[in-house]
Amino acid sequence: MNFPDITSRQNERIKQAAKLRSARQRTKQGRFLIDGAREIGRALDAGVEILESYVCESLCTSPDAQQAARRLAAANVSSVTPEVFEKLAFGERTDGIVVVGKTPQRRLEDLVLPTHPLIAVLEGLEKPGNVGAILRTADGAGVDAVIVVDGQTDLFNPNTIRASLGTVFAANVCTATVEETLAQLRQWKIPIFATRPDAQRLYTEIDYGDGAAIVLGAEAEGLSAAWHADDIAGVHLPMRGIADSLNVSATAAVLFYEAQRQRRGG
């Protein structure tokens, strides 16, 4: 690779990029970090605008990393030393490639849905790993859209990106408020099923065939009062031990695949 070298951790571009580990800086700059060849590839596939790219040649040795670097050749690529790369990399990733992307704006009104869609709604989730895991599961199960409602972690937190394996960049993932989401689901006439430990109906007793919005809340706080309306059905998973609930990402996986099992005839 014949790119300009950055050898100082005090380089101004490096310092500004490293600040993007902070949610406040991601909001302020309108930019975010993507660390990892697979995640970068999926961001490119989704049309995310890449603003800066940093490659450490001694670490960028895997076929996936080298392919990602080739795809970024026109995106302001700089080679960096291992010491500089360490300042940018998140955790212990060793793909040798980190990029800065422009934060996508994913809005509720931009969703394109089929007839009788299956939608996941995530309200108030705090842990980036849980959000990312649910996005990955939703992608695997073929959920038509994921709406992150009043999230306590931003979608482009590095932990969310990693846990989602880059599926966070899909066009069918968006953010909205509770009020916006409820109004839109009701306008679409999509049945809404809210997961609650005190609900009377088992998840297997629900008919998901005419479309469904499956609503999941934070494990500590649960869902807000907005999801207790008369036109929203409560649903729960049976708990046979001493715990009263599953991890929210495990609950999501059970519900998504049960819904698709029904919808696709078993």
Protein backbone atom coordinates (compact mmCIF):
# COMPACT_ATOMS: atom_id res chain seq x y z
CA MET A 1 0.00 0.00 0.00
CA ASN A 2 1.35 3.39 -0.92
CA PHE A 3 -0.53 5.72 1.42
CA PRO A 4 0.61 8.67 3.59
CA ASP A 5 2.01 7.50 6.92
CA ILE A 6 0.77 8.69 10.31
CA THR A 7 3.27 7.85 13.01
CA SER A 8 2.18 10.11 15.89
CA ARG A 9 -0.65 9.38 18.29
CA GLN A 10 -0.93 13.18 18.66
CA ASN A 11 -1.87 13.67 15.01
CA GLU A 12 -5.00 15.87 14.99
CA ARG A 13 -7.01 13.51 12.78
CA ILE A 14 -6.15 10.60 15.05
CA LYS A 15 -7.13 12.53 18.16
CA GLN A 16 -10.49 13.53 16.66
CA ALA A 17 -11.18 9.98 15.49
CA ALA A 18 -10.26 8.49 18.88
CA LYS A 19 -12.78 10.81 20.55
CA LEU A 20 -15.52 8.93 18.70
CA ARG A 21 -15.42 6.24 21.37
CA SER A 22 -17.59 8.73 23.30
CA ALA A 23 -21.33 8.92 22.57
CA ARG A 24 -21.24 12.67 23.14
CA GLN A 25 -18.53 13.10 20.52
CA ARG A 26 -20.35 10.84 18.05
CA THR A 27 -23.38 13.11 18.39
CA LYS A 28 -21.31 16.29 18.22
CA GLN A 29 -19.25 15.25 15.19
CA GLY A 30 -21.97 13.32 13.35
CA ARG A 31 -19.38 10.59 12.81
CA PHE A 32 -18.63 7.18 14.27
CA LEU A 33 -15.92 4.49 14.25
CA ILE A 34 -16.14 1.12 12.53
CA ASP A 35 -13.54 -1.40 13.64
CA GLY A 36 -13.24 -4.75 11.89
CA ALA A 37 -13.11 -5.96 8.30
CA ARG A 38 -16.47 -7.73 8.29
CA GLU A 39 -18.28 -4.77 9.83
CA ILE A 40 -16.59 -2.34 7.41
CA GLY A 41 -17.61 -4.51 4.48
CA ARG A 42 -21.23 -4.50 5.60
CA ALA A 43 -21.16 -0.74 6.10
CA LEU A 44 -19.90 -0.33 2.54
CA ASP A 45 -22.55 -2.72 1.23
CA ALA A 46 -25.21 -0.64 3.00
CA GLY A 47 -23.96 2.58 1.45
CA VAL A 48 -22.58 4.15 4.64
CA GLU A 49 -20.43 7.15 3.70
CA ILE A 50 -16.81 6.54 4.73
CA LEU A 51 -14.95 9.74 5.60
CA GLU A 52 -11.55 8.47 6.73
CA SER A 53 -9.76 5.11 6.70
CA TYR A 54 -6.77 3.97 8.75
CA VAL A 55 -4.82 0.84 7.87
CA CYS A 56 -1.98 -0.75 9.83
CA GLU A 57 -0.23 -2.80 7.17
CA SER A 58 1.53 -5.15 9.59
CA LEU A 59 -1.85 -6.15 11.08
CA CYS A 60 -3.93 -6.04 7.91
CA THR A 61 -3.04 -9.56 6.80
CA SER A 62 -6.27 -11.58 6.65
CA PRO A 63 -8.04 -11.97 3.30
CA ASP A 64 -11.13 -10.15 4.67
CA ALA A 65 -9.03 -7.23 5.93
CA GLN A 66 -7.10 -6.91 2.70
CA GLN A 67 -10.29 -7.01 0.66
CA ALA A 68 -11.79 -4.27 2.85
CA ALA A 69 -8.64 -2.17 2.42
CA ARG A 70 -8.87 -2.51 -1.36
CA ARG A 71 -12.49 -1.38 -1.30
CA LEU A 72 -11.47 1.68 0.71
CA ALA A 73 -8.67 2.71 -1.62
CA ALA A 74 -10.51 5.87 -2.69
CA ALA A 75 -11.75 6.81 0.78
CA ASN A 76 -9.01 9.01 2.23
CA VAL A 77 -6.88 6.08 3.38
CA SER A 78 -3.86 6.62 5.64
CA SER A 79 -1.45 3.96 6.83
CA VAL A 80 -0.67 4.09 10.53
CA THR A 81 1.85 2.47 12.84
CA PRO A 82 0.75 -0.22 15.31
CA GLU A 83 1.00 2.32 18.14
CA VAL A 84 -1.30 4.76 16.37
CA PHE A 85 -3.69 1.97 15.40
CA GLU A 86 -3.93 0.90 19.05
CA LYS A 87 -5.33 4.34 19.88
CA LEU A 88 -8.13 3.90 17.33
CA ALA A 89 -8.97 0.22 17.64
CA PHE A 90 -11.79 -0.83 19.93
CA GLY A 91 -10.97 -3.73 22.24
CA GLU A 92 -8.61 -6.40 20.99
CA ARG A 93 -9.46 -6.46 17.30
CA THR A 94 -6.45 -7.18 15.11
CA ASP A 95 -7.86 -6.75 11.59
CA GLY A 96 -5.63 -3.72 11.17
CA ILE A 97 -8.29 -1.49 9.69
CA VAL A 98 -10.53 1.18 11.25
CA VAL A 99 -12.71 3.71 9.44
CA VAL A 100 -14.67 6.81 10.35
CA GLY A 101 -18.16 6.90 8.87
CA LYS A 102 -20.79 9.60 8.59
CA THR A 103 -23.62 8.71 10.96
CA PRO A 104 -26.57 7.41 8.89
CA GLN A 105 -30.00 8.92 9.49
CA ARG A 106 -32.47 6.04 9.64
CA ARG A 107 -36.03 7.31 10.05
CA LEU A 108 -39.31 5.51 10.64
CA GLU A 109 -40.88 7.00 7.52
CA ASP A 110 -38.06 5.58 5.39
CA LEU A 111 -38.94 1.95 6.13
CA VAL A 112 -40.07 -0.13 3.17
CA LEU A 113 -42.18 -3.06 4.37
CA PRO A 114 -43.95 -6.03 2.81
CA THR A 115 -47.59 -6.89 3.41
CA HIS A 116 -48.12 -8.22 6.97
CA PRO A 117 -44.59 -7.46 8.14
CA LEU A 118 -42.80 -8.78 11.21
CA ILE A 119 -41.34 -5.85 13.13
CA ALA A 120 -39.20 -5.73 16.26
CA VAL A 121 -39.52 -2.73 18.57
CA LEU A 122 -36.80 -2.21 21.21
CA GLU A 123 -37.64 0.30 23.93
CA GLY A 124 -35.12 1.84 26.29
CA LEU A 125 -32.41 -0.82 26.00
CA GLU A 126 -29.25 0.29 27.79
CA LYS A 127 -26.66 -2.35 26.94
CA PRO A 128 -25.06 -1.99 23.50
CA GLY A 129 -24.30 -5.72 23.43
CA ASN A 130 -27.98 -6.58 23.85
CA VAL A 131 -29.02 -4.19 21.09
CA GLY A 132 -26.40 -5.62 18.77
CA ALA A 133 -27.30 -9.22 19.59
CA ILE A 134 -30.99 -8.56 18.88
CA LEU A 135 -30.13 -6.90 15.57
CA ARG A 136 -28.06 -9.93 14.59
CA THR A 137 -30.89 -12.28 15.57
CA ALA A 138 -33.46 -10.18 13.74
CA ASP A 139 -31.32 -10.33 10.62
CA GLY A 140 -30.91 -14.09 10.91
CA ALA A 141 -34.62 -14.68 11.53
CA GLY A 142 -35.69 -12.48 8.63
CA VAL A 143 -37.44 -9.79 10.66
CA ASP A 144 -38.62 -7.08 8.28
CA ALA A 145 -37.66 -4.06 10.40
CA VAL A 146 -36.22 -3.11 13.76
CA ILE A 147 -37.30 0.14 15.44
CA VAL A 148 -35.14 1.30 18.33
CA VAL A 149 -37.39 3.40 20.55
CA ASP A 150 -36.01 5.91 23.05
CA GLY A 151 -32.77 3.92 23.17
CA GLN A 152 -30.37 4.49 26.05
CA THR A 153 -27.42 3.61 23.81
CA ASP A 154 -26.88 4.97 20.31
CA LEU A 155 -27.03 2.54 17.43
CA PHE A 156 -23.47 3.25 16.38
CA ASN A 157 -21.80 2.51 19.67
CA PRO A 158 -18.76 0.31 18.82
CA ASN A 159 -20.11 -2.50 21.03
CA THR A 160 -23.45 -2.42 19.22
CA ILE A 161 -21.73 -2.56 15.84
CA ARG A 162 -19.57 -5.49 16.89
CA ALA A 163 -22.35 -7.48 18.58
CA SER A 164 -24.55 -7.00 15.52
CA LEU A 165 -21.77 -8.17 13.17
CA GLY A 166 -22.49 -5.08 11.10
CA THR A 167 -26.21 -5.83 10.62
CA VAL A 168 -26.88 -2.50 12.35
CA PHE A 169 -26.15 -0.83 9.01
CA ALA A 170 -29.15 -2.41 7.27
CA ALA A 171 -31.70 0.01 5.83
CA ASN A 172 -34.50 -1.66 7.81
CA VAL A 173 -33.08 -0.50 11.18
CA CYS A 174 -34.23 2.91 12.44
CA THR A 175 -34.84 4.99 15.55
CA ALA A 176 -37.98 6.79 16.73
CA THR A 177 -39.86 7.93 19.81
CA VAL A 178 -42.54 5.88 21.54
CA GLU A 179 -45.24 8.25 20.30
CA GLU A 180 -44.03 8.14 16.70
CA THR A 181 -43.76 4.36 16.75
CA LEU A 182 -47.19 3.72 18.24
CA ALA A 183 -48.84 6.15 15.84
CA GLN A 184 -47.16 4.53 12.84
CA LEU A 185 -47.92 0.94 13.90
CA ARG A 186 -51.56 1.87 14.41
CA GLN A 187 -51.69 3.60 11.05
CA TRP A 188 -50.26 0.46 9.44
CA LYS A 189 -52.85 -1.60 11.40
CA ILE A 190 -50.15 -4.00 12.59
CA PRO A 191 -51.03 -6.11 15.67
CA ILE A 192 -48.79 -5.17 18.60
CA PHE A 193 -47.50 -7.73 21.12
CA ALA A 194 -45.68 -6.44 24.18
CA THR A 195 -43.46 -8.78 26.18
CA ARG A 196 -44.34 -8.56 29.87
CA PRO A 197 -43.69 -11.05 32.71
CA ASP A 198 -47.23 -10.46 34.02
CA ALA A 199 -48.92 -11.13 30.66
CA GLN A 200 -51.53 -13.89 30.54
CA ARG A 201 -50.91 -15.21 27.02
CA LEU A 202 -48.00 -17.47 26.14
CA TYR A 203 -45.88 -16.55 23.14
CA THR A 204 -47.05 -19.75 21.39
CA GLU A 205 -50.71 -18.70 21.71
CA ILE A 206 -50.21 -15.63 19.54
CA ASP A 207 -51.05 -15.61 15.83
CA TYR A 208 -48.29 -13.72 14.06
CA GLY A 209 -49.54 -14.48 10.55
CA ASP A 210 -51.30 -11.16 9.84
CA GLY A 211 -48.22 -9.15 10.72
CA ALA A 212 -46.83 -8.41 14.14
CA ALA A 213 -44.84 -5.84 16.06
CA ILE A 214 -42.98 -7.59 18.89
CA VAL A 215 -42.06 -5.07 21.59
CA LEU A 216 -39.18 -5.73 23.98
CA GLY A 217 -38.04 -3.56 26.87
CA ALA A 218 -35.09 -3.15 29.19
CA GLU A 219 -34.64 -6.04 31.63
CA ALA A 220 -34.55 -3.84 34.73
CA GLU A 221 -37.37 -1.40 33.94
CA GLY A 222 -39.50 -3.34 31.48
CA LEU A 223 -41.78 -1.53 29.05
CA SER A 224 -43.23 1.90 29.68
CA ALA A 225 -46.93 2.47 30.34
CA ALA A 226 -47.48 3.39 26.69
CA TRP A 227 -47.39 -0.32 25.83
CA HIS A 228 -50.25 -1.21 28.20
CA ALA A 229 -52.97 0.20 25.96
CA ASP A 230 -56.15 -1.77 25.21
CA ASP A 231 -55.12 -2.46 21.62
CA ILE A 232 -51.79 -4.03 22.66
CA ALA A 233 -51.64 -7.68 23.69
CA GLY A 234 -49.28 -8.80 26.43
CA VAL A 235 -47.23 -11.94 25.86
CA HIS A 236 -44.79 -13.88 28.00
CA LEU A 237 -42.41 -16.83 27.90
CA PRO A 238 -42.83 -19.55 30.56
CA MET A 239 -40.14 -19.51 33.23
CA ARG A 240 -39.59 -22.90 34.93
CA GLY A 241 -36.84 -21.94 37.35
CA ILE A 242 -36.29 -19.26 39.98
CA ALA A 243 -35.59 -16.40 37.52
CA ASP A 244 -38.59 -14.40 36.34
CA SER A 245 -37.25 -13.50 32.89
CA LEU A 246 -34.65 -14.26 30.23
CA ASN A 247 -31.99 -11.95 28.90
CA VAL A 248 -33.79 -9.66 26.44
CA SER A 249 -31.74 -10.92 23.50
CA ALA A 250 -32.68 -14.54 24.33
CA THR A 251 -36.34 -13.56 24.56
CA ALA A 252 -36.08 -11.84 21.20
CA ALA A 253 -34.60 -14.94 19.57
CA VAL A 254 -37.39 -17.19 20.86
CA LEU A 255 -40.13 -14.81 19.71
CA PHE A 256 -38.64 -14.01 16.31
CA TYR A 257 -38.19 -17.64 15.35
CA GLU A 258 -41.58 -18.70 16.69
CA ALA A 259 -43.20 -15.94 14.65
CA GLN A 260 -41.37 -17.03 11.50
CA ARG A 261 -42.14 -20.71 12.17
CA GLN A 262 -45.84 -19.86 12.15
CA ARG A 263 -45.63 -17.49 9.23
CA ARG A 264 -43.78 -20.00 7.07
CA GLY A 265 -45.94 -22.97 7.88
CA GLY A 266 -43.63 -24.63 10.42
